Amino acid sequence: MPKVIRYEIQWDEETYALAERAAHASGLTSIKAYITQLVKQNAPEVLEAYSSIQLTNAQFDAFCEACDNPPAPTARLRKAAQELDQEGFVLNADR
């Protein structure tokens, strides 16, 4: 049996009542069941949105072009690089 982790939440009365009504309207018997269902339904979609990038063909072509022929660094970018150098920032090439 998987380990169960307890989580305590504090809500104002209005939010609690709203969650309770939504749980019952969804056919669920508790707020816990309602929240669990929401997480299981919504979390994969949210995580997918943050783990992938979808580009149109034109956007991908523009990205490839910028990689193949990068523009010259602006004065602002050179200044930022200098500040990182002064702070001792080291790019870890092993990552």
N, C-alpha and C. Protein backbone atom coordinates (compact mmCIF):
# COMPACT_ATOMS: atom_id res chain seq x y z
N MET A 1 0.84 -1.18 0.00
CA MET A 1 0.00 0.00 0.00
C MET A 1 0.89 1.25 0.00
N PRO A 2 0.59 2.22 -0.87
CA PRO A 2 1.43 3.42 -0.92
C PRO A 2 1.32 4.25 0.35
N LYS A 3 2.39 4.92 0.65
CA LYS A 3 2.42 5.78 1.83
C LYS A 3 1.44 6.95 1.64
N VAL A 4 0.69 7.23 2.66
CA VAL A 4 -0.27 8.34 2.62
C VAL A 4 0.36 9.53 3.32
N ILE A 5 0.33 10.67 2.67
CA ILE A 5 0.89 11.89 3.23
C ILE A 5 -0.26 12.81 3.62
N ARG A 6 -0.21 13.29 4.82
CA ARG A 6 -1.26 14.17 5.31
C ARG A 6 -0.91 15.61 4.96
N TYR A 7 -1.92 16.36 4.52
CA TYR A 7 -1.72 17.76 4.18
C TYR A 7 -2.86 18.57 4.79
N GLU A 8 -2.52 19.57 5.54
CA GLU A 8 -3.53 20.42 6.17
C GLU A 8 -3.69 21.69 5.36
N ILE A 9 -4.92 22.13 5.21
CA ILE A 9 -5.17 23.34 4.45
C ILE A 9 -6.12 24.24 5.23
N GLN A 10 -5.89 25.52 5.16
CA GLN A 10 -6.76 26.47 5.84
C GLN A 10 -7.42 27.35 4.78
N TRP A 11 -8.74 27.38 4.82
CA TRP A 11 -9.52 28.18 3.88
C TRP A 11 -10.44 29.11 4.65
N ASP A 12 -10.81 30.18 4.00
CA ASP A 12 -11.88 30.99 4.57
C ASP A 12 -13.20 30.23 4.36
N GLU A 13 -14.21 30.63 5.10
CA GLU A 13 -15.48 29.89 5.06
C GLU A 13 -16.10 29.85 3.67
N GLU A 14 -15.99 30.94 2.93
CA GLU A 14 -16.58 31.00 1.59
C GLU A 14 -15.93 29.99 0.65
N THR A 15 -14.61 29.91 0.68
CA THR A 15 -13.90 28.97 -0.18
C THR A 15 -14.21 27.54 0.21
N TYR A 16 -14.27 27.28 1.51
CA TYR A 16 -14.59 25.94 1.99
C TYR A 16 -15.98 25.52 1.52
N ALA A 17 -16.93 26.41 1.67
CA ALA A 17 -18.31 26.11 1.25
C ALA A 17 -18.37 25.87 -0.26
N LEU A 18 -17.62 26.65 -1.01
CA LEU A 18 -17.58 26.48 -2.46
C LEU A 18 -17.00 25.11 -2.83
N ALA A 19 -15.92 24.73 -2.18
CA ALA A 19 -15.31 23.42 -2.44
C ALA A 19 -16.26 22.30 -2.04
N GLU A 20 -16.93 22.46 -0.93
CA GLU A 20 -17.87 21.43 -0.47
C GLU A 20 -19.03 21.27 -1.44
N ARG A 21 -19.57 22.39 -1.92
CA ARG A 21 -20.67 22.34 -2.89
C ARG A 21 -20.21 21.70 -4.20
N ALA A 22 -19.00 22.07 -4.65
CA ALA A 22 -18.48 21.51 -5.90
C ALA A 22 -18.24 20.00 -5.76
N ALA A 23 -17.77 19.58 -4.61
CA ALA A 23 -17.55 18.15 -4.38
C ALA A 23 -18.86 17.39 -4.48
N HIS A 24 -19.87 17.88 -3.81
CA HIS A 24 -21.17 17.21 -3.84
C HIS A 24 -21.79 17.25 -5.24
N ALA A 25 -21.65 18.38 -5.92
CA ALA A 25 -22.18 18.50 -7.28
C ALA A 25 -21.49 17.53 -8.24
N SER A 26 -20.23 17.21 -7.93
CA SER A 26 -19.47 16.28 -8.77
C SER A 26 -19.77 14.83 -8.42
N GLY A 27 -20.62 14.62 -7.43
CA GLY A 27 -20.95 13.26 -7.03
C GLY A 27 -19.96 12.66 -6.06
N LEU A 28 -19.12 13.48 -5.49
CA LEU A 28 -18.12 13.00 -4.55
C LEU A 28 -18.58 13.26 -3.13
N THR A 29 -18.11 12.47 -2.21
CA THR A 29 -18.60 12.56 -0.84
C THR A 29 -17.77 13.44 0.07
N SER A 30 -16.61 13.91 -0.41
CA SER A 30 -15.77 14.73 0.46
C SER A 30 -14.95 15.71 -0.36
N ILE A 31 -14.50 16.75 0.32
CA ILE A 31 -13.60 17.71 -0.31
C ILE A 31 -12.29 17.03 -0.66
N LYS A 32 -11.84 16.13 0.20
CA LYS A 32 -10.60 15.39 -0.07
C LYS A 32 -10.70 14.65 -1.41
N ALA A 33 -11.80 13.96 -1.63
CA ALA A 33 -11.98 13.23 -2.89
C ALA A 33 -12.03 14.20 -4.07
N TYR A 34 -12.66 15.34 -3.86
CA TYR A 34 -12.77 16.35 -4.92
C TYR A 34 -11.40 16.91 -5.29
N ILE A 35 -10.63 17.27 -4.28
CA ILE A 35 -9.29 17.82 -4.54
C ILE A 35 -8.40 16.77 -5.19
N THR A 36 -8.48 15.55 -4.71
CA THR A 36 -7.69 14.47 -5.30
C THR A 36 -8.03 14.29 -6.77
N GLN A 37 -9.32 14.32 -7.09
CA GLN A 37 -9.74 14.20 -8.49
C GLN A 37 -9.23 15.37 -9.32
N LEU A 38 -9.33 16.58 -8.78
CA LEU A 38 -8.84 17.76 -9.51
C LEU A 38 -7.34 17.66 -9.81
N VAL A 39 -6.57 17.24 -8.82
CA VAL A 39 -5.12 17.13 -9.00
C VAL A 39 -4.80 16.08 -10.06
N LYS A 40 -5.44 14.91 -9.96
CA LYS A 40 -5.15 13.84 -10.91
C LYS A 40 -5.56 14.21 -12.34
N GLN A 41 -6.63 15.00 -12.47
CA GLN A 41 -7.08 15.40 -13.80
C GLN A 41 -6.25 16.55 -14.36
N ASN A 42 -5.91 17.51 -13.50
CA ASN A 42 -5.30 18.75 -13.98
C ASN A 42 -3.78 18.73 -14.00
N ALA A 43 -3.16 18.07 -13.05
CA ALA A 43 -1.71 18.11 -12.92
C ALA A 43 -0.97 17.61 -14.17
N PRO A 44 -1.38 16.49 -14.77
CA PRO A 44 -0.65 16.04 -15.96
C PRO A 44 -0.66 17.08 -17.10
N GLU A 45 -1.78 17.76 -17.27
CA GLU A 45 -1.87 18.78 -18.31
C GLU A 45 -0.97 19.97 -18.00
N VAL A 46 -0.96 20.39 -16.75
CA VAL A 46 -0.11 21.50 -16.34
C VAL A 46 1.36 21.13 -16.51
N LEU A 47 1.74 19.95 -16.08
CA LEU A 47 3.13 19.51 -16.19
C LEU A 47 3.55 19.37 -17.64
N GLU A 48 2.68 18.89 -18.49
CA GLU A 48 2.98 18.78 -19.92
C GLU A 48 3.22 20.15 -20.52
N ALA A 49 2.42 21.13 -20.12
CA ALA A 49 2.57 22.48 -20.65
C ALA A 49 3.92 23.08 -20.29
N TYR A 50 4.48 22.69 -19.14
CA TYR A 50 5.76 23.22 -18.71
C TYR A 50 6.95 22.36 -19.13
N SER A 51 6.70 21.22 -19.75
CA SER A 51 7.81 20.35 -20.10
C SER A 51 8.03 20.24 -21.60
N SER A 52 7.22 20.92 -22.38
CA SER A 52 7.42 20.86 -23.82
C SER A 52 7.14 22.21 -24.45
N ILE A 53 7.68 22.40 -25.61
CA ILE A 53 7.48 23.62 -26.37
C ILE A 53 6.94 23.21 -27.73
N GLN A 54 5.86 23.85 -28.14
CA GLN A 54 5.31 23.57 -29.46
C GLN A 54 5.47 24.82 -30.31
N LEU A 55 6.09 24.65 -31.45
CA LEU A 55 6.32 25.76 -32.36
C LEU A 55 5.65 25.48 -33.69
N THR A 56 5.27 26.55 -34.36
CA THR A 56 4.82 26.40 -35.74
C THR A 56 6.06 26.14 -36.59
N ASN A 57 5.86 25.72 -37.81
CA ASN A 57 7.00 25.50 -38.71
C ASN A 57 7.79 26.79 -38.91
N ALA A 58 7.09 27.91 -39.02
CA ALA A 58 7.77 29.19 -39.22
C ALA A 58 8.60 29.56 -37.99
N GLN A 59 8.06 29.32 -36.79
CA GLN A 59 8.81 29.61 -35.57
C GLN A 59 10.04 28.73 -35.46
N PHE A 60 9.90 27.45 -35.82
CA PHE A 60 11.03 26.54 -35.76
C PHE A 60 12.11 26.95 -36.76
N ASP A 61 11.68 27.33 -37.95
CA ASP A 61 12.63 27.78 -38.97
C ASP A 61 13.38 29.04 -38.51
N ALA A 62 12.65 29.97 -37.87
CA ALA A 62 13.29 31.18 -37.36
C ALA A 62 14.27 30.84 -36.25
N PHE A 63 13.92 29.89 -35.39
CA PHE A 63 14.82 29.46 -34.32
C PHE A 63 16.09 28.85 -34.91
N CYS A 64 15.93 27.97 -35.88
CA CYS A 64 17.10 27.34 -36.52
C CYS A 64 17.97 28.38 -37.20
N GLU A 65 17.36 29.35 -37.83
CA GLU A 65 18.12 30.41 -38.49
C GLU A 65 18.91 31.22 -37.46
N ALA A 66 18.28 31.52 -36.33
CA ALA A 66 18.98 32.28 -35.28
C ALA A 66 20.13 31.48 -34.69
N CYS A 67 19.97 30.15 -34.61
CA CYS A 67 21.05 29.30 -34.10
C CYS A 67 22.20 29.23 -35.10
N ASP A 68 21.85 29.13 -36.38
CA ASP A 68 22.88 29.02 -37.41
C ASP A 68 23.58 30.36 -37.67
N ASN A 69 22.86 31.44 -37.54
CA ASN A 69 23.40 32.77 -37.82
C ASN A 69 23.00 33.72 -36.69
N PRO A 70 23.60 33.57 -35.53
CA PRO A 70 23.18 34.40 -34.39
C PRO A 70 23.53 35.86 -34.63
N PRO A 71 22.67 36.76 -34.14
CA PRO A 71 22.98 38.18 -34.27
C PRO A 71 24.14 38.55 -33.36
N ALA A 72 24.79 39.63 -33.68
CA ALA A 72 25.89 40.11 -32.84
C ALA A 72 25.32 40.51 -31.48
N PRO A 73 26.06 40.26 -30.40
CA PRO A 73 25.56 40.63 -29.07
C PRO A 73 25.40 42.14 -28.95
N THR A 74 24.33 42.54 -28.30
CA THR A 74 24.08 43.96 -28.08
C THR A 74 24.95 44.45 -26.93
N ALA A 75 25.03 45.76 -26.79
CA ALA A 75 25.80 46.34 -25.68
C ALA A 75 25.22 45.88 -24.35
N ARG A 76 23.92 45.77 -24.27
CA ARG A 76 23.26 45.34 -23.04
C ARG A 76 23.65 43.90 -22.68
N LEU A 77 23.70 43.03 -23.68
CA LEU A 77 24.08 41.64 -23.44
C LEU A 77 25.55 41.54 -23.03
N ARG A 78 26.42 42.32 -23.70
CA ARG A 78 27.84 42.32 -23.32
C ARG A 78 28.02 42.81 -21.88
N LYS A 79 27.25 43.83 -21.49
CA LYS A 79 27.33 44.34 -20.12
C LYS A 79 26.89 43.27 -19.12
N ALA A 80 25.82 42.57 -19.44
CA ALA A 80 25.33 41.50 -18.56
C ALA A 80 26.38 40.41 -18.42
N ALA A 81 27.03 40.05 -19.50
CA ALA A 81 28.08 39.03 -19.46
C ALA A 81 29.26 39.49 -18.60
N GLN A 82 29.62 40.76 -18.72
CA GLN A 82 30.71 41.30 -17.91
C GLN A 82 30.37 41.24 -16.42
N GLU A 83 29.12 41.58 -16.10
CA GLU A 83 28.69 41.55 -14.69
C GLU A 83 28.73 40.12 -14.15
N LEU A 84 28.33 39.15 -14.96
CA LEU A 84 28.42 37.77 -14.53
C LEU A 84 29.87 37.35 -14.31
N ASP A 85 30.75 37.79 -15.20
CA ASP A 85 32.18 37.49 -15.04
C ASP A 85 32.70 38.07 -13.73
N GLN A 86 32.31 39.30 -13.42
CA GLN A 86 32.78 39.96 -12.19
C GLN A 86 32.25 39.26 -10.94
N GLU A 87 31.06 38.66 -11.05
CA GLU A 87 30.48 37.94 -9.91
C GLU A 87 31.06 36.54 -9.77
N GLY A 88 31.86 36.12 -10.74
CA GLY A 88 32.47 34.80 -10.67
C GLY A 88 31.57 33.70 -11.18
N PHE A 89 30.58 34.06 -11.96
CA PHE A 89 29.67 33.06 -12.52
C PHE A 89 30.42 32.17 -13.49
N VAL A 90 30.25 30.85 -13.32
CA VAL A 90 30.90 29.90 -14.19
C VAL A 90 29.83 29.00 -14.79
N LEU A 91 29.78 28.92 -16.09
CA LEU A 91 28.83 28.04 -16.77
C LEU A 91 29.32 26.61 -16.62
N ASN A 92 28.46 25.74 -16.10
CA ASN A 92 28.83 24.35 -15.92
C ASN A 92 28.51 23.61 -17.22
N ALA A 93 29.51 23.34 -18.00
CA ALA A 93 29.33 22.69 -19.29
C ALA A 93 28.97 21.21 -19.16
N ASP A 94 29.11 20.66 -17.95
CA ASP A 94 28.80 19.24 -17.73
C ASP A 94 27.31 18.99 -17.59
N ARG A 95 26.50 20.03 -17.43
CA ARG A 95 25.06 19.84 -17.22
C ARG A 95 24.33 19.74 -18.51
